[in-house]
Amino acid sequence: MRCNKCGRDKPRATGFYPNQKRHRKGKPVYYDSICKKCRIKTKTTSLFKRYGLTQQEYDRLPKRCEICGSKKRLVFDHDHQTLLFRGRLCGACNNGLGMFHDSVVKLKKAIQYLEKV
C-alpha cells in the first residue's frame, strides 16, 4: 500500500493504522491512507503549532512525567484558561489534574485529606 504523504510503499497491516471511523465490527478493515510514520510526524507538527513549541524545545523536554516520573503515554499538559503549554505528563497525572479542575486549593485539600489518614 502506498502512503499518500511520502509516496512510499509499505505493508498494509504493519505500516498503516486501521481507520477507526470506517471500521465497523464484522466489516472489512480499512486502513488510513497515510503511513504510521507520516501520521505521527503530522500529529507532532500540529502540537508544535498549537503550543508554539519548536523542535529544539520539544527535544529538551523531560522524557518522563514531571509529576510521577513515568515514561508511559506522555501527553502535552496545558492550562485550560490560557491554553499555554505547561509540560509533559503521563495520562494518569494529566487526568488527575483535570479532575481537580487545575485548582491548587482543591489539590492542597486533597493532600491534607490524605495526610490525616
C-alpha atoms as a PDB file:
ATOM      1  CA  MET A   1       0.000   0.000   0.000  1.00  0.00           C
ATOM      2  CA  ARG A   2       1.308   3.439  -0.903  1.00  0.00           C
ATOM      3  CA  CYS A   3       1.338   6.353   1.582  1.00  0.00           C
ATOM      4  CA  ASN A   4      -0.446   9.445   0.251  1.00  0.00           C
ATOM      5  CA  LYS A   5       2.002  11.740   2.063  1.00  0.00           C
ATOM      6  CA  CYS A   6       5.505  10.306   1.498  1.00  0.00           C
ATOM      7  CA  GLY A   7       4.673   8.111  -1.533  1.00  0.00           C
ATOM      8  CA  ARG A   8       6.491   5.045  -0.155  1.00  0.00           C
ATOM      9  CA  ASP A   9       5.111   1.525  -0.434  1.00  0.00           C
ATOM     10  CA  LYS A  10       4.679  -0.136   2.954  1.00  0.00           C
ATOM     11  CA  PRO A  11       2.966  -3.276   4.244  1.00  0.00           C
ATOM     12  CA  ARG A  12      -0.696  -2.516   4.916  1.00  0.00           C
ATOM     13  CA  ALA A  13      -1.061  -4.265   8.292  1.00  0.00           C
ATOM     14  CA  THR A  14       2.195  -3.032   9.854  1.00  0.00           C
ATOM     15  CA  GLY A  15       2.770   0.282   8.074  1.00  0.00           C
ATOM     16  CA  PHE A  16      -0.700   1.842   8.428  1.00  0.00           C
ATOM     17  CA  TYR A  17      -3.195   2.392  11.242  1.00  0.00           C
ATOM     18  CA  PRO A  18      -6.699   0.936  10.865  1.00  0.00           C
ATOM     19  CA  ASN A  19      -9.145   3.728  10.045  1.00  0.00           C
ATOM     20  CA  GLN A  20     -11.369   3.845  13.151  1.00  0.00           C
ATOM     21  CA  LYS A  21     -14.057   5.976  11.505  1.00  0.00           C
ATOM     22  CA  ARG A  22     -14.647   3.489   8.728  1.00  0.00           C
ATOM     23  CA  HIS A  23     -14.027   0.290  10.698  1.00  0.00           C
ATOM     24  CA  ARG A  24     -17.159  -1.435  11.981  1.00  0.00           C
ATOM     25  CA  LYS A  25     -17.474  -4.767  13.734  1.00  0.00           C
ATOM     26  CA  GLY A  26     -17.908  -7.593  11.257  1.00  0.00           C
ATOM     27  CA  LYS A  27     -16.926  -5.399   8.298  1.00  0.00           C
ATOM     28  CA  PRO A  28     -13.639  -5.407   6.367  1.00  0.00           C
ATOM     29  CA  VAL A  29     -10.789  -3.451   7.966  1.00  0.00           C
ATOM     30  CA  TYR A  30      -9.999  -0.195   6.202  1.00  0.00           C
ATOM     31  CA  TYR A  31      -6.601   1.398   6.643  1.00  0.00           C
ATOM     32  CA  ASP A  32      -5.574   5.025   6.853  1.00  0.00           C
ATOM     33  CA  SER A  33      -4.171   6.475   3.633  1.00  0.00           C
ATOM     34  CA  ILE A  34      -1.157   7.969   5.455  1.00  0.00           C
ATOM     35  CA  CYS A  35       1.515   5.657   6.913  1.00  0.00           C
ATOM     36  CA  LYS A  36       2.191   5.458  10.655  1.00  0.00           C
ATOM     37  CA  LYS A  37       5.464   7.396  10.405  1.00  0.00           C
ATOM     38  CA  CYS A  38       3.888  10.289   8.470  1.00  0.00           C
ATOM     39  CA  ARG A  39       0.813  10.303  10.756  1.00  0.00           C
ATOM     40  CA  ILE A  40       2.983  10.665  13.874  1.00  0.00           C
ATOM     41  CA  LYS A  41       5.061  13.388  12.244  1.00  0.00           C
ATOM     42  CA  THR A  42       1.896  15.291  11.232  1.00  0.00           C
ATOM     43  CA  LYS A  43       0.419  14.983  14.724  1.00  0.00           C
ATOM     44  CA  THR A  44       3.642  16.189  16.365  1.00  0.00           C
ATOM     45  CA  THR A  45       3.871  19.146  13.963  1.00  0.00           C
ATOM     46  CA  SER A  46       0.306  20.206  14.770  1.00  0.00           C
ATOM     47  CA  LEU A  47       1.108  20.021  18.512  1.00  0.00           C
ATOM     48  CA  PHE A  48       4.125  22.269  17.915  1.00  0.00           C
ATOM     49  CA  LYS A  49       1.911  24.810  16.177  1.00  0.00           C
ATOM     50  CA  ARG A  50      -0.850  24.628  18.800  1.00  0.00           C
ATOM     51  CA  TYR A  51       1.501  25.176  21.736  1.00  0.00           C
ATOM     52  CA  GLY A  52       4.088  27.359  20.000  1.00  0.00           C
ATOM     53  CA  LEU A  53       6.964  24.913  20.507  1.00  0.00           C
ATOM     54  CA  THR A  54       9.976  24.442  18.283  1.00  0.00           C
ATOM     55  CA  GLN A  55      11.595  21.073  17.604  1.00  0.00           C
ATOM     56  CA  GLN A  56      14.559  22.092  19.784  1.00  0.00           C
ATOM     57  CA  GLU A  57      12.281  22.988  22.722  1.00  0.00           C
ATOM     58  CA  TYR A  58      10.438  19.694  22.307  1.00  0.00           C
ATOM     59  CA  ASP A  59      13.723  17.742  22.292  1.00  0.00           C
ATOM     60  CA  ARG A  60      14.749  19.410  25.594  1.00  0.00           C
ATOM     61  CA  LEU A  61      11.525  18.397  27.367  1.00  0.00           C
ATOM     62  CA  PRO A  62      11.823  15.683  30.014  1.00  0.00           C
ATOM     63  CA  LYS A  63      11.258  12.160  28.706  1.00  0.00           C
ATOM     64  CA  ARG A  64       9.351  11.348  31.914  1.00  0.00           C
ATOM     65  CA  CYS A  65       6.181  12.575  33.581  1.00  0.00           C
ATOM     66  CA  GLU A  66       7.010  15.735  35.521  1.00  0.00           C
ATOM     67  CA  ILE A  67       4.867  14.565  38.463  1.00  0.00           C
ATOM     68  CA  CYS A  68       5.374  10.805  38.916  1.00  0.00           C
ATOM     69  CA  GLY A  69       8.361  10.066  36.648  1.00  0.00           C
ATOM     70  CA  SER A  70       6.573   7.513  34.444  1.00  0.00           C
ATOM     71  CA  LYS A  71       7.720   7.100  30.836  1.00  0.00           C
ATOM     72  CA  LYS A  72       4.408   5.666  29.624  1.00  0.00           C
ATOM     73  CA  ARG A  73       1.934   7.565  27.434  1.00  0.00           C
ATOM     74  CA  LEU A  74       3.263  11.079  27.845  1.00  0.00           C
ATOM     75  CA  VAL A  75       0.924  13.880  26.818  1.00  0.00           C
ATOM     76  CA  PHE A  76       1.196  17.655  26.466  1.00  0.00           C
ATOM     77  CA  ASP A  77      -0.310  19.361  29.516  1.00  0.00           C
ATOM     78  CA  HIS A  78      -1.744  22.842  29.053  1.00  0.00           C
ATOM     79  CA  ASP A  79      -3.615  25.455  31.056  1.00  0.00           C
ATOM     80  CA  HIS A  80      -7.272  25.332  30.018  1.00  0.00           C
ATOM     81  CA  GLN A  81      -7.802  29.048  30.564  1.00  0.00           C
ATOM     82  CA  THR A  82      -4.744  30.431  28.770  1.00  0.00           C
ATOM     83  CA  LEU A  83      -4.100  27.361  26.555  1.00  0.00           C
ATOM     84  CA  LEU A  84      -0.396  27.728  27.334  1.00  0.00           C
ATOM     85  CA  PHE A  85       1.779  24.607  27.349  1.00  0.00           C
ATOM     86  CA  ARG A  86       2.940  23.620  30.861  1.00  0.00           C
ATOM     87  CA  GLY A  87       4.866  20.378  30.399  1.00  0.00           C
ATOM     88  CA  ARG A  88       4.683  16.664  29.698  1.00  0.00           C
ATOM     89  CA  LEU A  89       2.720  14.382  31.978  1.00  0.00           C
ATOM     90  CA  CYS A  90       1.617  10.773  31.859  1.00  0.00           C
ATOM     91  CA  GLY A  91      -2.059  10.258  31.085  1.00  0.00           C
ATOM     92  CA  ALA A  92      -2.927   9.381  34.698  1.00  0.00           C
ATOM     93  CA  CYS A  93      -1.367  12.521  36.202  1.00  0.00           C
ATOM     94  CA  ASN A  94      -2.869  14.693  33.456  1.00  0.00           C
ATOM     95  CA  ASN A  95      -6.322  13.222  34.132  1.00  0.00           C
ATOM     96  CA  GLY A  96      -5.814  13.711  37.867  1.00  0.00           C
ATOM     97  CA  LEU A  97      -5.137  17.404  37.427  1.00  0.00           C
ATOM     98  CA  GLY A  98      -8.174  17.659  35.176  1.00  0.00           C
ATOM     99  CA  MET A  99     -10.391  16.023  37.799  1.00  0.00           C
ATOM    100  CA  PHE A 100      -9.348  18.740  40.237  1.00  0.00           C
ATOM    101  CA  HIS A 101     -10.018  21.400  37.565  1.00  0.00           C
ATOM    102  CA  ASP A 102      -6.362  22.528  37.835  1.00  0.00           C
ATOM    103  CA  SER A 103      -7.205  24.024  41.241  1.00  0.00           C
ATOM    104  CA  VAL A 104      -4.273  24.402  43.643  1.00  0.00           C
ATOM    105  CA  VAL A 105      -6.754  24.879  46.522  1.00  0.00           C
ATOM    106  CA  LYS A 106      -8.512  21.583  45.777  1.00  0.00           C
ATOM    107  CA  LEU A 107      -5.198  19.751  45.399  1.00  0.00           C
ATOM    108  CA  LYS A 108      -3.961  21.111  48.762  1.00  0.00           C
ATOM    109  CA  LYS A 109      -7.201  19.950  50.393  1.00  0.00           C
ATOM    110  CA  ALA A 110      -6.701  16.515  48.833  1.00  0.00           C
ATOM    111  CA  ILE A 111      -3.158  16.374  50.251  1.00  0.00           C
ATOM    112  CA  GLN A 112      -4.420  17.355  53.711  1.00  0.00           C
ATOM    113  CA  TYR A 113      -7.074  14.665  53.462  1.00  0.00           C
ATOM    114  CA  LEU A 114      -4.504  12.002  52.532  1.00  0.00           C
ATOM    115  CA  GLU A 115      -2.111  13.089  55.290  1.00  0.00           C
ATOM    116  CA  LYS A 116      -4.707  12.842  58.057  1.00  0.00           C
ATOM    117  CA  VAL A 117      -5.380   9.151  57.375  1.00  0.00           C
END
